[in-house]
Amino acid sequence: MRQPLVAGNWKMNGSLDSARELLAGIKGGFSPAMQAEVAVCPPYVYLAEVQTQLAGSSLAWGAQNLASETSGAYTGEVAASMLLDFACKYVIVGH
């Protein structure tokens, strides 16, 4: 049987301070013995902070969307290659 995935989509909520507080709470309550993979999908502007805070942990992170194009003049869009720069493992698509 496949391991379940529990992912939190932050939508357009929070601040840098609240992101740090939330990540500390998630890390504090997480146990590698859990029967599910846990991931967080913050707003793009917090990806670097999430990557820093969760590096070396069993928690995964991802993005809230990605562009269908690889590059170009698409204001506000984020390419897959950009997400790979932040070691994103997941992306929420089509929601």
N, C-alpha and C. Protein backbone atom coordinates (compact mmCIF):
# COMPACT_ATOMS: atom_id res chain seq x y z
N MET A 1 0.84 -1.19 0.00
CA MET A 1 0.00 0.00 0.00
C MET A 1 0.88 1.24 0.00
N ARG A 2 0.46 2.23 -0.73
CA ARG A 2 1.18 3.50 -0.82
C ARG A 2 1.12 4.27 0.49
N GLN A 3 2.20 4.94 0.83
CA GLN A 3 2.22 5.77 2.04
C GLN A 3 1.38 7.03 1.79
N PRO A 4 0.47 7.35 2.69
CA PRO A 4 -0.34 8.56 2.54
C PRO A 4 0.53 9.83 2.60
N LEU A 5 0.05 10.87 1.96
CA LEU A 5 0.70 12.18 1.98
C LEU A 5 -0.28 13.17 2.59
N VAL A 6 0.17 13.91 3.58
CA VAL A 6 -0.61 14.98 4.17
C VAL A 6 0.14 16.27 3.85
N ALA A 7 -0.50 17.15 3.08
CA ALA A 7 0.16 18.40 2.66
C ALA A 7 -0.70 19.59 3.06
N GLY A 8 -0.05 20.60 3.62
CA GLY A 8 -0.73 21.82 4.01
C GLY A 8 -0.48 22.92 2.99
N ASN A 9 -1.55 23.42 2.39
CA ASN A 9 -1.47 24.53 1.44
C ASN A 9 -1.78 25.81 2.20
N TRP A 10 -0.80 26.68 2.33
CA TRP A 10 -0.97 27.90 3.13
C TRP A 10 -1.81 28.97 2.43
N LYS A 11 -2.05 28.79 1.13
CA LYS A 11 -2.74 29.82 0.36
C LYS A 11 -1.99 31.15 0.49
N MET A 12 -2.68 32.26 0.63
CA MET A 12 -2.04 33.57 0.74
C MET A 12 -2.15 34.05 2.19
N ASN A 13 -1.67 33.24 3.10
CA ASN A 13 -1.76 33.53 4.53
C ASN A 13 -0.39 33.58 5.16
N GLY A 14 -0.30 34.34 6.23
CA GLY A 14 0.90 34.34 7.04
C GLY A 14 1.85 35.48 6.79
N SER A 15 2.91 35.45 7.56
CA SER A 15 4.01 36.40 7.46
C SER A 15 5.28 35.59 7.71
N LEU A 16 6.43 36.21 7.59
CA LEU A 16 7.67 35.49 7.82
C LEU A 16 7.72 34.99 9.26
N ASP A 17 7.33 35.82 10.21
CA ASP A 17 7.33 35.40 11.61
C ASP A 17 6.34 34.26 11.86
N SER A 18 5.15 34.36 11.29
CA SER A 18 4.17 33.29 11.51
C SER A 18 4.59 32.01 10.79
N ALA A 19 5.29 32.13 9.67
CA ALA A 19 5.81 30.95 8.98
C ALA A 19 6.83 30.24 9.85
N ARG A 20 7.72 30.98 10.46
CA ARG A 20 8.72 30.38 11.35
C ARG A 20 8.05 29.70 12.53
N GLU A 21 7.05 30.34 13.09
CA GLU A 21 6.35 29.78 14.24
C GLU A 21 5.61 28.50 13.84
N LEU A 22 4.94 28.53 12.71
CA LEU A 22 4.21 27.35 12.24
C LEU A 22 5.17 26.19 11.96
N LEU A 23 6.29 26.46 11.31
CA LEU A 23 7.26 25.42 11.01
C LEU A 23 7.83 24.81 12.28
N ALA A 24 8.09 25.64 13.27
CA ALA A 24 8.60 25.12 14.55
C ALA A 24 7.56 24.21 15.20
N GLY A 25 6.29 24.57 15.12
CA GLY A 25 5.23 23.75 15.67
C GLY A 25 5.08 22.43 14.93
N ILE A 26 5.17 22.47 13.61
CA ILE A 26 5.06 21.25 12.81
C ILE A 26 6.24 20.33 13.11
N LYS A 27 7.44 20.89 13.14
CA LYS A 27 8.62 20.08 13.43
C LYS A 27 8.54 19.49 14.84
N GLY A 28 8.05 20.26 15.78
CA GLY A 28 7.93 19.78 17.16
C GLY A 28 6.93 18.67 17.33
N GLY A 29 5.90 18.65 16.50
CA GLY A 29 4.86 17.64 16.61
C GLY A 29 5.03 16.47 15.66
N PHE A 30 6.06 16.52 14.83
CA PHE A 30 6.26 15.49 13.83
C PHE A 30 7.11 14.36 14.39
N SER A 31 6.74 13.15 14.05
CA SER A 31 7.51 11.97 14.43
C SER A 31 7.78 11.16 13.17
N PRO A 32 9.03 10.78 12.93
CA PRO A 32 9.32 9.93 11.77
C PRO A 32 8.57 8.61 11.79
N ALA A 33 8.04 8.22 12.95
CA ALA A 33 7.28 6.98 13.05
C ALA A 33 5.86 7.12 12.50
N MET A 34 5.45 8.33 12.14
CA MET A 34 4.11 8.54 11.58
C MET A 34 3.95 7.73 10.30
N GLN A 35 2.76 7.34 10.04
CA GLN A 35 2.47 6.49 8.89
C GLN A 35 2.14 7.30 7.64
N ALA A 36 2.51 8.57 7.61
CA ALA A 36 2.24 9.42 6.45
C ALA A 36 3.42 10.35 6.22
N GLU A 37 3.62 10.70 4.96
CA GLU A 37 4.59 11.74 4.65
C GLU A 37 3.89 13.08 4.86
N VAL A 38 4.62 14.04 5.39
CA VAL A 38 4.05 15.35 5.68
C VAL A 38 4.81 16.40 4.88
N ALA A 39 4.05 17.28 4.22
CA ALA A 39 4.65 18.34 3.41
C ALA A 39 3.91 19.65 3.66
N VAL A 40 4.63 20.74 3.49
CA VAL A 40 4.03 22.07 3.56
C VAL A 40 4.23 22.75 2.21
N CYS A 41 3.23 23.51 1.80
CA CYS A 41 3.27 24.24 0.53
C CYS A 41 2.98 25.71 0.81
N PRO A 42 4.02 26.47 1.13
CA PRO A 42 3.85 27.87 1.49
C PRO A 42 3.74 28.77 0.25
N PRO A 43 3.41 30.03 0.46
CA PRO A 43 3.51 30.99 -0.64
C PRO A 43 4.96 31.05 -1.14
N TYR A 44 5.14 31.35 -2.41
CA TYR A 44 6.47 31.37 -3.02
C TYR A 44 7.49 32.19 -2.24
N VAL A 45 7.04 33.32 -1.71
CA VAL A 45 7.99 34.22 -1.04
C VAL A 45 8.61 33.61 0.21
N TYR A 46 8.04 32.52 0.73
CA TYR A 46 8.56 31.88 1.93
C TYR A 46 9.29 30.56 1.64
N LEU A 47 9.45 30.21 0.38
CA LEU A 47 10.10 28.94 0.05
C LEU A 47 11.52 28.84 0.59
N ALA A 48 12.29 29.91 0.49
CA ALA A 48 13.67 29.88 0.99
C ALA A 48 13.70 29.64 2.49
N GLU A 49 12.80 30.29 3.22
CA GLU A 49 12.74 30.10 4.67
C GLU A 49 12.32 28.67 5.01
N VAL A 50 11.35 28.16 4.30
CA VAL A 50 10.90 26.79 4.54
C VAL A 50 12.03 25.81 4.25
N GLN A 51 12.72 26.00 3.16
CA GLN A 51 13.84 25.13 2.82
C GLN A 51 14.90 25.15 3.93
N THR A 52 15.22 26.32 4.42
CA THR A 52 16.20 26.46 5.49
C THR A 52 15.72 25.77 6.78
N GLN A 53 14.47 26.03 7.16
CA GLN A 53 13.95 25.50 8.42
C GLN A 53 13.76 23.99 8.40
N LEU A 54 13.45 23.42 7.24
CA LEU A 54 13.14 21.99 7.17
C LEU A 54 14.29 21.14 6.66
N ALA A 55 15.37 21.76 6.21
CA ALA A 55 16.51 20.99 5.70
C ALA A 55 17.00 20.02 6.77
N GLY A 56 17.21 18.79 6.37
CA GLY A 56 17.69 17.76 7.29
C GLY A 56 16.59 17.07 8.08
N SER A 57 15.36 17.55 7.94
CA SER A 57 14.24 16.91 8.63
C SER A 57 13.56 15.92 7.68
N SER A 58 12.61 15.19 8.20
CA SER A 58 11.84 14.25 7.38
C SER A 58 10.65 14.92 6.71
N LEU A 59 10.46 16.20 6.97
CA LEU A 59 9.34 16.94 6.38
C LEU A 59 9.70 17.41 4.98
N ALA A 60 8.71 17.38 4.11
CA ALA A 60 8.91 17.81 2.73
C ALA A 60 8.26 19.17 2.51
N TRP A 61 8.64 19.83 1.43
CA TRP A 61 8.00 21.10 1.09
C TRP A 61 7.77 21.15 -0.41
N GLY A 62 6.83 22.01 -0.76
CA GLY A 62 6.49 22.15 -2.16
C GLY A 62 5.93 23.52 -2.44
N ALA A 63 5.41 23.69 -3.63
CA ALA A 63 4.90 24.97 -4.08
C ALA A 63 3.39 24.88 -4.31
N GLN A 64 2.78 26.03 -4.46
CA GLN A 64 1.33 26.08 -4.61
C GLN A 64 0.87 26.02 -6.06
N ASN A 65 1.78 26.16 -6.99
CA ASN A 65 1.42 26.11 -8.40
C ASN A 65 2.70 26.16 -9.22
N LEU A 66 2.63 25.86 -10.51
CA LEU A 66 3.75 26.07 -11.40
C LEU A 66 3.24 26.37 -12.78
N ALA A 67 4.06 27.10 -13.51
CA ALA A 67 3.68 27.50 -14.87
C ALA A 67 3.85 26.33 -15.82
N SER A 68 3.08 26.34 -16.87
CA SER A 68 3.22 25.31 -17.90
C SER A 68 4.38 25.63 -18.85
N GLU A 69 4.85 26.84 -18.83
CA GLU A 69 5.96 27.27 -19.69
C GLU A 69 7.28 27.14 -18.92
N THR A 70 8.38 26.96 -19.63
CA THR A 70 9.68 26.84 -18.98
C THR A 70 10.30 28.18 -18.65
N SER A 71 9.95 29.21 -19.41
CA SER A 71 10.44 30.57 -19.15
C SER A 71 9.65 31.53 -20.04
N GLY A 72 9.87 32.80 -19.83
CA GLY A 72 9.20 33.79 -20.67
C GLY A 72 8.60 34.93 -19.88
N ALA A 73 7.88 35.77 -20.58
CA ALA A 73 7.28 36.97 -19.99
C ALA A 73 5.91 36.65 -19.40
N TYR A 74 5.91 35.86 -18.34
CA TYR A 74 4.68 35.44 -17.68
C TYR A 74 4.70 35.97 -16.25
N THR A 75 4.26 37.19 -16.10
CA THR A 75 4.31 37.87 -14.81
C THR A 75 3.62 37.05 -13.72
N GLY A 76 4.33 36.86 -12.62
CA GLY A 76 3.77 36.17 -11.47
C GLY A 76 3.84 34.66 -11.55
N GLU A 77 4.25 34.11 -12.66
CA GLU A 77 4.34 32.65 -12.80
C GLU A 77 5.69 32.15 -12.29
N VAL A 78 5.76 30.87 -11.98
CA VAL A 78 6.98 30.25 -11.49
C VAL A 78 7.22 28.97 -12.28
N ALA A 79 8.42 28.85 -12.83
CA ALA A 79 8.77 27.68 -13.64
C ALA A 79 9.24 26.53 -12.75
N ALA A 80 9.13 25.32 -13.27
CA ALA A 80 9.58 24.14 -12.54
C ALA A 80 11.05 24.24 -12.17
N SER A 81 11.86 24.77 -13.07
CA SER A 81 13.30 24.90 -12.78
C SER A 81 13.54 25.82 -11.59
N MET A 82 12.71 26.83 -11.42
CA MET A 82 12.83 27.74 -10.27
C MET A 82 12.51 26.99 -8.98
N LEU A 83 11.50 26.15 -9.02
CA LEU A 83 11.12 25.38 -7.83
C LEU A 83 12.20 24.36 -7.47
N LEU A 84 12.85 23.82 -8.47
CA LEU A 84 13.95 22.89 -8.20
C LEU A 84 15.10 23.57 -7.48
N ASP A 85 15.28 24.87 -7.73
CA ASP A 85 16.32 25.63 -7.02
C ASP A 85 16.10 25.61 -5.51
N PHE A 86 14.85 25.41 -5.09
CA PHE A 86 14.50 25.37 -3.67
C PHE A 86 14.23 23.94 -3.19
N ALA A 87 14.60 22.96 -4.00
CA ALA A 87 14.45 21.54 -3.67
C ALA A 87 13.01 21.15 -3.35
N CYS A 88 12.06 21.79 -4.03
CA CYS A 88 10.66 21.43 -3.83
C CYS A 88 10.43 20.01 -4.32
N LYS A 89 9.77 19.23 -3.49
CA LYS A 89 9.46 17.85 -3.84
C LYS A 89 8.06 17.74 -4.44
N TYR A 90 7.18 18.66 -4.07
CA TYR A 90 5.79 18.61 -4.50
C TYR A 90 5.34 19.96 -5.06
N VAL A 91 4.31 19.89 -5.88
CA VAL A 91 3.62 21.08 -6.37
C VAL A 91 2.13 20.75 -6.42
N ILE A 92 1.32 21.66 -5.91
CA ILE A 92 -0.13 21.50 -5.99
C ILE A 92 -0.56 22.07 -7.35
N VAL A 93 -1.15 21.23 -8.19
CA VAL A 93 -1.52 21.64 -9.55
C VAL A 93 -3.00 21.38 -9.76
N GLY A 94 -3.66 22.32 -10.42
CA GLY A 94 -5.05 22.12 -10.81
C GLY A 94 -6.05 22.24 -9.68
N HIS A 95 -5.79 23.09 -8.75
CA HIS A 95 -6.74 23.24 -7.64
C HIS A 95 -7.49 24.56 -7.74
